[in-house]
Amino acid sequence: MPCLLYNLAIAPLIQKIRNSQLNGFNVSPDLTRVLVKVYADDTTVFLGPDDDPKKLQGCLDIFCLALTGRFNNLKTEIIPLWSAGSHREIIRTREFKN
């Protein structure tokens, strides 16, 4: 039963992210964008260099509000693919700054 409930709950979040203004990454002209991938209880969101992390946060906030839940920040990882300076700053502060 928990797996079924999880799937019913996570599907709207994934759809909200996919329908957002986030672009993700274009890997090649033959493939569609890579934005969100889900496996069991792990979700990975790929933000492209022009994406605003605050838009992703908005999707997550709506999801948490609707389900009266929250994300475990201790299990949340940010892996930047930008410059080394940005990478160090995000590790230091755990915040995106635009």
PDB file of N, CA and C in Angstrom:
ATOM      1  N   MET A   1       0.799  -1.203   0.000  1.00  0.00           N
ATOM      2  CA  MET A   1       0.000   0.000   0.000  1.00  0.00           C
ATOM      3  C   MET A   1       0.847   1.274   0.000  1.00  0.00           C
ATOM      4  N   PRO A   2       1.937   1.368   0.789  1.00  0.00           N
ATOM      5  CA  PRO A   2       2.737   2.599   0.768  1.00  0.00           C
ATOM      6  C   PRO A   2       3.281   2.931  -0.620  1.00  0.00           C
ATOM      7  N   CYS A   3       3.664   1.917  -1.393  1.00  0.00           N
ATOM      8  CA  CYS A   3       4.184   2.179  -2.742  1.00  0.00           C
ATOM      9  C   CYS A   3       3.117   2.802  -3.629  1.00  0.00           C
ATOM     10  N   LEU A   4       1.907   2.284  -3.545  1.00  0.00           N
ATOM     11  CA  LEU A   4       0.806   2.820  -4.329  1.00  0.00           C
ATOM     12  C   LEU A   4       0.508   4.262  -3.934  1.00  0.00           C
ATOM     13  N   LEU A   5       0.477   4.530  -2.638  1.00  0.00           N
ATOM     14  CA  LEU A   5       0.225   5.888  -2.172  1.00  0.00           C
ATOM     15  C   LEU A   5       1.331   6.837  -2.614  1.00  0.00           C
ATOM     16  N   TYR A   6       2.576   6.360  -2.550  1.00  0.00           N
ATOM     17  CA  TYR A   6       3.705   7.176  -2.990  1.00  0.00           C
ATOM     18  C   TYR A   6       3.557   7.513  -4.473  1.00  0.00           C
ATOM     19  N   ASN A   7       3.244   6.510  -5.283  1.00  0.00           N
ATOM     20  CA  ASN A   7       3.096   6.743  -6.722  1.00  0.00           C
ATOM     21  C   ASN A   7       1.972   7.724  -7.017  1.00  0.00           C
ATOM     22  N   LEU A   8       0.881   7.610  -6.290  1.00  0.00           N
ATOM     23  CA  LEU A   8      -0.222   8.547  -6.494  1.00  0.00           C
ATOM     24  C   LEU A   8       0.155   9.961  -6.067  1.00  0.00           C
ATOM     25  N   ALA A   9       0.996  10.076  -5.063  1.00  0.00           N
ATOM     26  CA  ALA A   9       1.389  11.393  -4.568  1.00  0.00           C
ATOM     27  C   ALA A   9       2.477  12.024  -5.430  1.00  0.00           C
ATOM     28  N   ILE A  10       3.439  11.226  -5.890  1.00  0.00           N
ATOM     29  CA  ILE A  10       4.586  11.788  -6.601  1.00  0.00           C
ATOM     30  C   ILE A  10       4.248  12.133  -8.052  1.00  0.00           C
ATOM     31  N   ALA A  11       3.297  11.444  -8.642  1.00  0.00           N
ATOM     32  CA  ALA A  11       2.951  11.697 -10.047  1.00  0.00           C
ATOM     33  C   ALA A  11       2.567  13.158 -10.301  1.00  0.00           C
ATOM     34  N   PRO A  12       1.740  13.781  -9.456  1.00  0.00           N
ATOM     35  CA  PRO A  12       1.421  15.191  -9.697  1.00  0.00           C
ATOM     36  C   PRO A  12       2.638  16.120  -9.576  1.00  0.00           C
ATOM     37  N   LEU A  13       3.563  15.804  -8.678  1.00  0.00           N
ATOM     38  CA  LEU A  13       4.773  16.618  -8.558  1.00  0.00           C
ATOM     39  C   LEU A  13       5.597  16.534  -9.839  1.00  0.00           C
ATOM     40  N   ILE A  14       5.779  15.339 -10.342  1.00  0.00           N
ATOM     41  CA  ILE A  14       6.567  15.155 -11.566  1.00  0.00           C
ATOM     42  C   ILE A  14       5.902  15.901 -12.720  1.00  0.00           C
ATOM     43  N   GLN A  15       4.585  15.800 -12.819  1.00  0.00           N
ATOM     44  CA  GLN A  15       3.875  16.496 -13.894  1.00  0.00           C
ATOM     45  C   GLN A  15       3.994  18.010 -13.736  1.00  0.00           C
ATOM     46  N   LYS A  16       3.926  18.496 -12.504  1.00  0.00           N
ATOM     47  CA  LYS A  16       4.070  19.941 -12.243  1.00  0.00           C
ATOM     48  C   LYS A  16       5.449  20.417 -12.687  1.00  0.00           C
ATOM     49  N   ILE A  17       6.483  19.660 -12.382  1.00  0.00           N
ATOM     50  CA  ILE A  17       7.840  20.039 -12.791  1.00  0.00           C
ATOM     51  C   ILE A  17       7.961  20.008 -14.312  1.00  0.00           C
ATOM     52  N   ARG A  18       7.436  18.968 -14.936  1.00  0.00           N
ATOM     53  CA  ARG A  18       7.519  18.853 -16.406  1.00  0.00           C
ATOM     54  C   ARG A  18       6.740  19.963 -17.107  1.00  0.00           C
ATOM     55  N   ASN A  19       5.654  20.426 -16.512  1.00  0.00           N
ATOM     56  CA  ASN A  19       4.842  21.483 -17.119  1.00  0.00           C
ATOM     57  C   ASN A  19       5.333  22.884 -16.763  1.00  0.00           C
ATOM     58  N   SER A  20       6.353  22.971 -15.916  1.00  0.00           N
ATOM     59  CA  SER A  20       6.864  24.275 -15.497  1.00  0.00           C
ATOM     60  C   SER A  20       7.682  24.919 -16.621  1.00  0.00           C
ATOM     61  N   GLN A  21       8.205  26.087 -16.340  1.00  0.00           N
ATOM     62  CA  GLN A  21       9.031  26.801 -17.318  1.00  0.00           C
ATOM     63  C   GLN A  21      10.496  26.376 -17.245  1.00  0.00           C
ATOM     64  N   LEU A  22      10.795  25.319 -16.505  1.00  0.00           N
ATOM     65  CA  LEU A  22      12.163  24.819 -16.430  1.00  0.00           C
ATOM     66  C   LEU A  22      12.515  24.103 -17.732  1.00  0.00           C
ATOM     67  N   ASN A  23      13.734  24.300 -18.205  1.00  0.00           N
ATOM     68  CA  ASN A  23      14.160  23.718 -19.475  1.00  0.00           C
ATOM     69  C   ASN A  23      14.956  22.437 -19.323  1.00  0.00           C
ATOM     70  N   GLY A  24      15.691  22.294 -18.242  1.00  0.00           N
ATOM     71  CA  GLY A  24      16.537  21.120 -18.087  1.00  0.00           C
ATOM     72  C   GLY A  24      17.696  21.170 -19.065  1.00  0.00           C
ATOM     73  N   PHE A  25      18.135  20.003 -19.505  1.00  0.00           N
ATOM     74  CA  PHE A  25      19.256  19.902 -20.440  1.00  0.00           C
ATOM     75  C   PHE A  25      18.807  19.301 -21.747  1.00  0.00           C
ATOM     76  N   ASN A  26      19.318  19.810 -22.835  1.00  0.00           N
ATOM     77  CA  ASN A  26      19.150  19.181 -24.136  1.00  0.00           C
ATOM     78  C   ASN A  26      20.432  18.408 -24.416  1.00  0.00           C
ATOM     79  N   VAL A  27      20.343  17.087 -24.355  1.00  0.00           N
ATOM     80  CA  VAL A  27      21.512  16.240 -24.505  1.00  0.00           C
ATOM     81  C   VAL A  27      21.950  16.174 -25.954  1.00  0.00           C
ATOM     82  N   SER A  28      20.997  16.021 -26.845  1.00  0.00           N
ATOM     83  CA  SER A  28      21.296  15.986 -28.278  1.00  0.00           C
ATOM     84  C   SER A  28      20.037  16.373 -29.033  1.00  0.00           C
ATOM     85  N   PRO A  29      20.175  16.733 -30.309  1.00  0.00           N
ATOM     86  CA  PRO A  29      18.983  17.112 -31.083  1.00  0.00           C
ATOM     87  C   PRO A  29      17.971  15.975 -31.226  1.00  0.00           C
ATOM     88  N   ASP A  30      18.438  14.724 -31.105  1.00  0.00           N
ATOM     89  CA  ASP A  30      17.555  13.574 -31.278  1.00  0.00           C
ATOM     90  C   ASP A  30      16.750  13.233 -30.029  1.00  0.00           C
ATOM     91  N   LEU A  31      17.168  13.766 -28.892  1.00  0.00           N
ATOM     92  CA  LEU A  31      16.500  13.435 -27.637  1.00  0.00           C
ATOM     93  C   LEU A  31      15.702  14.626 -27.125  1.00  0.00           C
ATOM     94  N   THR A  32      14.643  14.325 -26.395  1.00  0.00           N
ATOM     95  CA  THR A  32      13.913  15.398 -25.737  1.00  0.00           C
ATOM     96  C   THR A  32      14.729  15.879 -24.556  1.00  0.00           C
ATOM     97  N   ARG A  33      14.298  16.925 -23.951  1.00  0.00           N
ATOM     98  CA  ARG A  33      15.034  17.488 -22.815  1.00  0.00           C
ATOM     99  C   ARG A  33      15.088  16.503 -21.654  1.00  0.00           C
ATOM    100  N   VAL A  34      16.132  16.610 -20.883  1.00  0.00           N
ATOM    101  CA  VAL A  34      16.263  15.846 -19.650  1.00  0.00           C
ATOM    102  C   VAL A  34      15.962  16.815 -18.524  1.00  0.00           C
ATOM    103  N   LEU A  35      14.884  16.582 -17.805  1.00  0.00           N
ATOM    104  CA  LEU A  35      14.477  17.491 -16.737  1.00  0.00           C
ATOM    105  C   LEU A  35      14.308  16.761 -15.416  1.00  0.00           C
ATOM    106  N   VAL A  36      13.517  15.709 -15.405  1.00  0.00           N
ATOM    107  CA  VAL A  36      13.265  15.005 -14.147  1.00  0.00           C
ATOM    108  C   VAL A  36      13.246  13.500 -14.401  1.00  0.00           C
ATOM    109  N   LYS A  37      13.929  12.782 -13.518  1.00  0.00           N
ATOM    110  CA  LYS A  37      13.960  11.326 -13.574  1.00  0.00           C
ATOM    111  C   LYS A  37      13.620  10.798 -12.185  1.00  0.00           C
ATOM    112  N   VAL A  38      12.813   9.752 -12.147  1.00  0.00           N
ATOM    113  CA  VAL A  38      12.366   9.191 -10.873  1.00  0.00           C
ATOM    114  C   VAL A  38      12.634   7.696 -10.873  1.00  0.00           C
ATOM    115  N   TYR A  39      13.207   7.216  -9.774  1.00  0.00           N
ATOM    116  CA  TYR A  39      13.405   5.785  -9.583  1.00  0.00           C
ATOM    117  C   TYR A  39      13.068   5.469  -8.129  1.00  0.00           C
ATOM    118  N   ALA A  40      12.056   4.663  -7.928  1.00  0.00           N
ATOM    119  CA  ALA A  40      11.585   4.312  -6.585  1.00  0.00           C
ATOM    120  C   ALA A  40      11.307   5.594  -5.798  1.00  0.00           C
ATOM    121  N   ASP A  41      12.028   5.831  -4.710  1.00  0.00           N
ATOM    122  CA  ASP A  41      11.768   7.039  -3.921  1.00  0.00           C
ATOM    123  C   ASP A  41      12.833   8.104  -4.135  1.00  0.00           C
ATOM    124  N   ASP A  42      13.617   7.970  -5.195  1.00  0.00           N
ATOM    125  CA  ASP A  42      14.635   8.975  -5.528  1.00  0.00           C
ATOM    126  C   ASP A  42      14.188   9.783  -6.736  1.00  0.00           C
ATOM    127  N   THR A  43      14.279  11.080  -6.619  1.00  0.00           N
ATOM    128  CA  THR A  43      13.928  11.982  -7.716  1.00  0.00           C
ATOM    129  C   THR A  43      15.121  12.862  -8.017  1.00  0.00           C
ATOM    130  N   THR A  44      15.463  12.957  -9.287  1.00  0.00           N
ATOM    131  CA  THR A  44      16.560  13.815  -9.726  1.00  0.00           C
ATOM    132  C   THR A  44      16.000  14.840 -10.689  1.00  0.00           C
ATOM    133  N   VAL A  45      16.268  16.107 -10.419  1.00  0.00           N
ATOM    134  CA  VAL A  45      15.846  17.192 -11.302  1.00  0.00           C
ATOM    135  C   VAL A  45      17.104  17.821 -11.880  1.00  0.00           C
ATOM    136  N   PHE A  46      17.157  17.921 -13.186  1.00  0.00           N
ATOM    137  CA  PHE A  46      18.296  18.495 -13.886  1.00  0.00           C
ATOM    138  C   PHE A  46      17.946  19.911 -14.326  1.00  0.00           C
ATOM    139  N   LEU A  47      18.589  20.886 -13.724  1.00  0.00           N
ATOM    140  CA  LEU A  47      18.358  22.271 -14.101  1.00  0.00           C
ATOM    141  C   LEU A  47      19.434  22.691 -15.098  1.00  0.00           C
ATOM    142  N   GLY A  48      19.008  23.302 -16.176  1.00  0.00           N
ATOM    143  CA  GLY A  48      19.944  23.820 -17.159  1.00  0.00           C
ATOM    144  C   GLY A  48      20.524  25.144 -16.696  1.00  0.00           C
ATOM    145  N   PRO A  49      21.528  25.634 -17.404  1.00  0.00           N
ATOM    146  CA  PRO A  49      22.193  26.873 -16.988  1.00  0.00           C
ATOM    147  C   PRO A  49      21.275  28.098 -16.966  1.00  0.00           C
ATOM    148  N   ASP A  50      20.201  28.077 -17.726  1.00  0.00           N
ATOM    149  CA  ASP A  50      19.283  29.220 -17.762  1.00  0.00           C
ATOM    150  C   ASP A  50      18.073  29.046 -16.854  1.00  0.00           C
ATOM    151  N   ASP A  51      17.979  27.924 -16.170  1.00  0.00           N
ATOM    152  CA  ASP A  51      16.837  27.661 -15.294  1.00  0.00           C
ATOM    153  C   ASP A  51      16.988  28.387 -13.963  1.00  0.00           C
ATOM    154  N   ASP A  52      15.870  28.857 -13.462  1.00  0.00           N
ATOM    155  CA  ASP A  52      15.839  29.531 -12.165  1.00  0.00           C
ATOM    156  C   ASP A  52      15.462  28.514 -11.095  1.00  0.00           C
ATOM    157  N   PRO A  53      16.366  28.204 -10.172  1.00  0.00           N
ATOM    158  CA  PRO A  53      16.061  27.226  -9.119  1.00  0.00           C
ATOM    159  C   PRO A  53      14.841  27.605  -8.286  1.00  0.00           C
ATOM    160  N   LYS A  54      14.508  28.886  -8.244  1.00  0.00           N
ATOM    161  CA  LYS A  54      13.332  29.315  -7.487  1.00  0.00           C
ATOM    162  C   LYS A  54      12.044  28.780  -8.106  1.00  0.00           C
ATOM    163  N   LYS A  55      12.035  28.535  -9.412  1.00  0.00           N
ATOM    164  CA  LYS A  55      10.851  27.947 -10.057  1.00  0.00           C
ATOM    165  C   LYS A  55      10.682  26.500  -9.613  1.00  0.00           C
ATOM    166  N   LEU A  56      11.790  25.791  -9.487  1.00  0.00           N
ATOM    167  CA  LEU A  56      11.715  24.428  -8.960  1.00  0.00           C
ATOM    168  C   LEU A  56      11.228  24.467  -7.521  1.00  0.00           C
ATOM    169  N   GLN A  57      11.760  25.380  -6.730  1.00  0.00           N
ATOM    170  CA  GLN A  57      11.345  25.493  -5.333  1.00  0.00           C
ATOM    171  C   GLN A  57       9.857  25.776  -5.239  1.00  0.00           C
ATOM    172  N   GLY A  58       9.318  26.578  -6.160  1.00  0.00           N
ATOM    173  CA  GLY A  58       7.880  26.850  -6.184  1.00  0.00           C
ATOM    174  C   GLY A  58       7.069  25.582  -6.397  1.00  0.00           C
ATOM    175  N   CYS A  59       7.521  24.722  -7.313  1.00  0.00           N
ATOM    176  CA  CYS A  59       6.841  23.436  -7.542  1.00  0.00           C
ATOM    177  C   CYS A  59       6.879  22.581  -6.286  1.00  0.00           C
ATOM    178  N   LEU A  60       8.028  22.540  -5.634  1.00  0.00           N
ATOM    179  CA  LEU A  60       8.178  21.733  -4.419  1.00  0.00           C
ATOM    180  C   LEU A  60       7.322  22.279  -3.281  1.00  0.00           C
ATOM    181  N   ASP A  61       7.259  23.607  -3.169  1.00  0.00           N
ATOM    182  CA  ASP A  61       6.447  24.224  -2.109  1.00  0.00           C
ATOM    183  C   ASP A  61       4.969  23.899  -2.276  1.00  0.00           C
ATOM    184  N   ILE A  62       4.481  23.962  -3.514  1.00  0.00           N
ATOM    185  CA  ILE A  62       3.068  23.637  -3.776  1.00  0.00           C
ATOM    186  C   ILE A  62       2.797  22.180  -3.438  1.00  0.00           C
ATOM    187  N   PHE A  63       3.720  21.301  -3.824  1.00  0.00           N
ATOM    188  CA  PHE A  63       3.587  19.877  -3.524  1.00  0.00           C
ATOM    189  C   PHE A  63       3.509  19.643  -2.014  1.00  0.00           C
ATOM    190  N   CYS A  64       4.417  20.247  -1.271  1.00  0.00           N
ATOM    191  CA  CYS A  64       4.438  20.077   0.193  1.00  0.00           C
ATOM    192  C   CYS A  64       3.190  20.647   0.843  1.00  0.00           C
ATOM    193  N   LEU A  65       2.736  21.779   0.357  1.00  0.00           N
ATOM    194  CA  LEU A  65       1.530  22.393   0.910  1.00  0.00           C
ATOM    195  C   LEU A  65       0.309  21.506   0.670  1.00  0.00           C
ATOM    196  N   ALA A  66       0.213  20.963  -0.543  1.00  0.00           N
ATOM    197  CA  ALA A  66      -0.943  20.124  -0.878  1.00  0.00           C
ATOM    198  C   ALA A  66      -0.967  18.838  -0.067  1.00  0.00           C
ATOM    199  N   LEU A  67       0.209  18.283   0.212  1.00  0.00           N
ATOM    200  CA  LEU A  67       0.265  17.008   0.929  1.00  0.00           C
ATOM    201  C   LEU A  67       0.602  17.159   2.404  1.00  0.00           C
ATOM    202  N   THR A  68       0.694  18.396   2.843  1.00  0.00           N
ATOM    203  CA  THR A  68       1.128  18.703   4.211  1.00  0.00           C
ATOM    204  C   THR A  68       2.377  17.895   4.568  1.00  0.00           C
ATOM    205  N   GLY A  69       3.325  17.915   3.654  1.00  0.00           N
ATOM    206  CA  GLY A  69       4.581  17.191   3.851  1.00  0.00           C
ATOM    207  C   GLY A  69       5.752  18.142   3.775  1.00  0.00           C
ATOM    208  N   ARG A  70       6.939  17.560   3.788  1.00  0.00           N
ATOM    209  CA  ARG A  70       8.151  18.357   3.637  1.00  0.00           C
ATOM    210  C   ARG A  70       9.249  17.464   3.097  1.00  0.00           C
ATOM    211  N   PHE A  71      10.263  18.086   2.533  1.00  0.00           N
ATOM    212  CA  PHE A  71      11.424  17.356   2.044  1.00  0.00           C
ATOM    213  C   PHE A  71      12.473  17.314   3.148  1.00  0.00           C
ATOM    214  N   ASN A  72      13.197  16.231   3.204  1.00  0.00           N
ATOM    215  CA  ASN A  72      14.265  16.079   4.175  1.00  0.00           C
ATOM    216  C   ASN A  72      15.516  16.751   3.601  1.00  0.00           C
ATOM    217  N   ASN A  73      15.834  17.941   4.097  1.00  0.00           N
ATOM    218  CA  ASN A  73      16.981  18.691   3.573  1.00  0.00           C
ATOM    219  C   ASN A  73      18.307  17.983   3.815  1.00  0.00           C
ATOM    220  N   LEU A  74      18.361  17.109   4.820  1.00  0.00           N
ATOM    221  CA  LEU A  74      19.594  16.371   5.076  1.00  0.00           C
ATOM    222  C   LEU A  74      19.861  15.323   4.003  1.00  0.00           C
ATOM    223  N   LYS A  75      18.813  14.926   3.290  1.00  0.00           N
ATOM    224  CA  LYS A  75      18.974  13.956   2.209  1.00  0.00           C
ATOM    225  C   LYS A  75      18.945  14.609   0.832  1.00  0.00           C
ATOM    226  N   THR A  76      18.833  15.918   0.788  1.00  0.00           N
ATOM    227  CA  THR A  76      18.774  16.645  -0.470  1.00  0.00           C
ATOM    228  C   THR A  76      20.180  17.046  -0.882  1.00  0.00           C
ATOM    229  N   GLU A  77      20.531  16.754  -2.122  1.00  0.00           N
ATOM    230  CA  GLU A  77      21.853  17.102  -2.623  1.00  0.00           C
ATOM    231  C   GLU A  77      21.720  18.037  -3.816  1.00  0.00           C
ATOM    232  N   ILE A  78      22.605  19.003  -3.867  1.00  0.00           N
ATOM    233  CA  ILE A  78      22.698  19.906  -5.009  1.00  0.00           C
ATOM    234  C   ILE A  78      24.043  19.633  -5.664  1.00  0.00           C
ATOM    235  N   ILE A  79      24.002  19.237  -6.920  1.00  0.00           N
ATOM    236  CA  ILE A  79      25.231  18.942  -7.643  1.00  0.00           C
ATOM    237  C   ILE A  79      25.302  19.891  -8.842  1.00  0.00           C
ATOM    238  N   PRO A  80      25.956  21.021  -8.684  1.00  0.00           N
ATOM    239  CA  PRO A  80      26.023  21.992  -9.773  1.00  0.00           C
ATOM    240  C   PRO A  80      26.950  21.519 -10.894  1.00  0.00           C
ATOM    241  N   LEU A  81      26.595  21.864 -12.095  1.00  0.00           N
ATOM    242  CA  LEU A  81      27.413  21.536 -13.251  1.00  0.00           C
ATOM    243  C   LEU A  81      27.950  22.800 -13.905  1.00  0.00           C
ATOM    244  N   TRP A  82      28.018  23.876 -13.107  1.00  0.00           N
ATOM    245  CA  TRP A  82      28.480  25.144 -13.643  1.00  0.00           C
ATOM    246  C   TRP A  82      29.942  25.357 -13.304  1.00  0.00           C
ATOM    247  N   SER A  83      30.324  26.581 -13.192  1.00  0.00           N
ATOM    248  CA  SER A  83      31.726  26.912 -12.931  1.00  0.00           C
ATOM    249  C   SER A  83      32.156  26.442 -11.543  1.00  0.00           C
ATOM    250  N   ALA A  84      33.462  26.268 -11.382  1.00  0.00           N
ATOM    251  CA  ALA A  84      34.005  25.820 -10.096  1.00  0.00           C
ATOM    252  C   ALA A  84      33.676  26.807  -8.979  1.00  0.00           C
ATOM    253  N   GLY A  85      33.689  28.117  -9.280  1.00  0.00           N
ATOM    254  CA  GLY A  85      33.359  29.126  -8.278  1.00  0.00           C
ATOM    255  C   GLY A  85      31.938  28.984  -7.785  1.00  0.00           C
ATOM    256  N   SER A  86      30.996  28.778  -8.704  1.00  0.00           N
ATOM    257  CA  SER A  86      29.594  28.581  -8.321  1.00  0.00           C
ATOM    258  C   SER A  86      29.450  27.313  -7.504  1.00  0.00           C
ATOM    259  N   HIS A  87      30.157  26.294  -7.913  1.00  0.00           N
ATOM    260  CA  HIS A  87      30.110  25.009  -7.214  1.00  0.00           C
ATOM    261  C   HIS A  87      30.546  25.162  -5.759  1.00  0.00           C
ATOM    262  N   ARG A  88      31.653  25.833  -5.522  1.00  0.00           N
ATOM    263  CA  ARG A  88      32.150  26.035  -4.157  1.00  0.00           C
ATOM    264  C   ARG A  88      31.170  26.870  -3.331  1.00  0.00           C
ATOM    265  N   GLU A  89      30.593  27.895  -3.935  1.00  0.00           N
ATOM    266  CA  GLU A  89      29.658  28.761  -3.215  1.00  0.00           C
ATOM    267  C   GLU A  89      28.397  28.003  -2.811  1.00  0.00           C
ATOM    268  N   ILE A  90      27.896  27.157  -3.683  1.00  0.00           N
ATOM    269  CA  ILE A  90      26.700  26.386  -3.354  1.00  0.00           C
ATOM    270  C   ILE A  90      27.008  25.381  -2.255  1.00  0.00           C
ATOM    271  N   ILE A  91      28.165  24.739  -2.325  1.00  0.00           N
ATOM    272  CA  ILE A  91      28.556  23.821  -1.257  1.00  0.00           C
ATOM    273  C   ILE A  91      28.663  24.559   0.070  1.00  0.00           C
ATOM    274  N   ARG A  92      29.248  25.749   0.041  1.00  0.00           N
ATOM    275  CA  ARG A  92      29.448  26.522   1.266  1.00  0.00           C
ATOM    276  C   ARG A  92      28.122  26.977   1.866  1.00  0.00           C
ATOM    277  N   THR A  93      27.217  27.453   1.052  1.00  0.00           N
ATOM    278  CA  THR A  93      25.976  28.041   1.557  1.00  0.00           C
ATOM    279  C   THR A  93      24.750  27.168   1.375  1.00  0.00           C
ATOM    280  N   ARG A  94      24.834  26.172   0.493  1.00  0.00           N
ATOM    281  CA  ARG A  94      23.695  25.345   0.096  1.00  0.00           C
ATOM    282  C   ARG A  94      22.556  26.178  -0.446  1.00  0.00           C
ATOM    283  N   GLU A  95      22.878  27.287  -1.086  1.00  0.00           N
ATOM    284  CA  GLU A  95      21.871  28.159  -1.685  1.00  0.00           C
ATOM    285  C   GLU A  95      22.287  28.522  -3.092  1.00  0.00           C
ATOM    286  N   PHE A  96      21.279  28.638  -3.961  1.00  0.00           N
ATOM    287  CA  PHE A  96      21.505  29.169  -5.296  1.00  0.00           C
ATOM    288  C   PHE A  96      21.364  30.671  -5.235  1.00  0.00           C
ATOM    289  N   LYS A  97      22.235  31.380  -5.891  1.00  0.00           N
ATOM    290  CA  LYS A  97      22.111  32.846  -5.953  1.00  0.00           C
ATOM    291  C   LYS A  97      22.128  33.258  -7.416  1.00  0.00           C
ATOM    292  N   ASN A  98      21.080  33.953  -7.800  1.00  0.00           N
ATOM    293  CA  ASN A  98      21.010  34.446  -9.192  1.00  0.00           C
ATOM    294  C   ASN A  98      21.399  35.891  -9.259  1.00  0.00           C
TER     295      ASN A  98
END
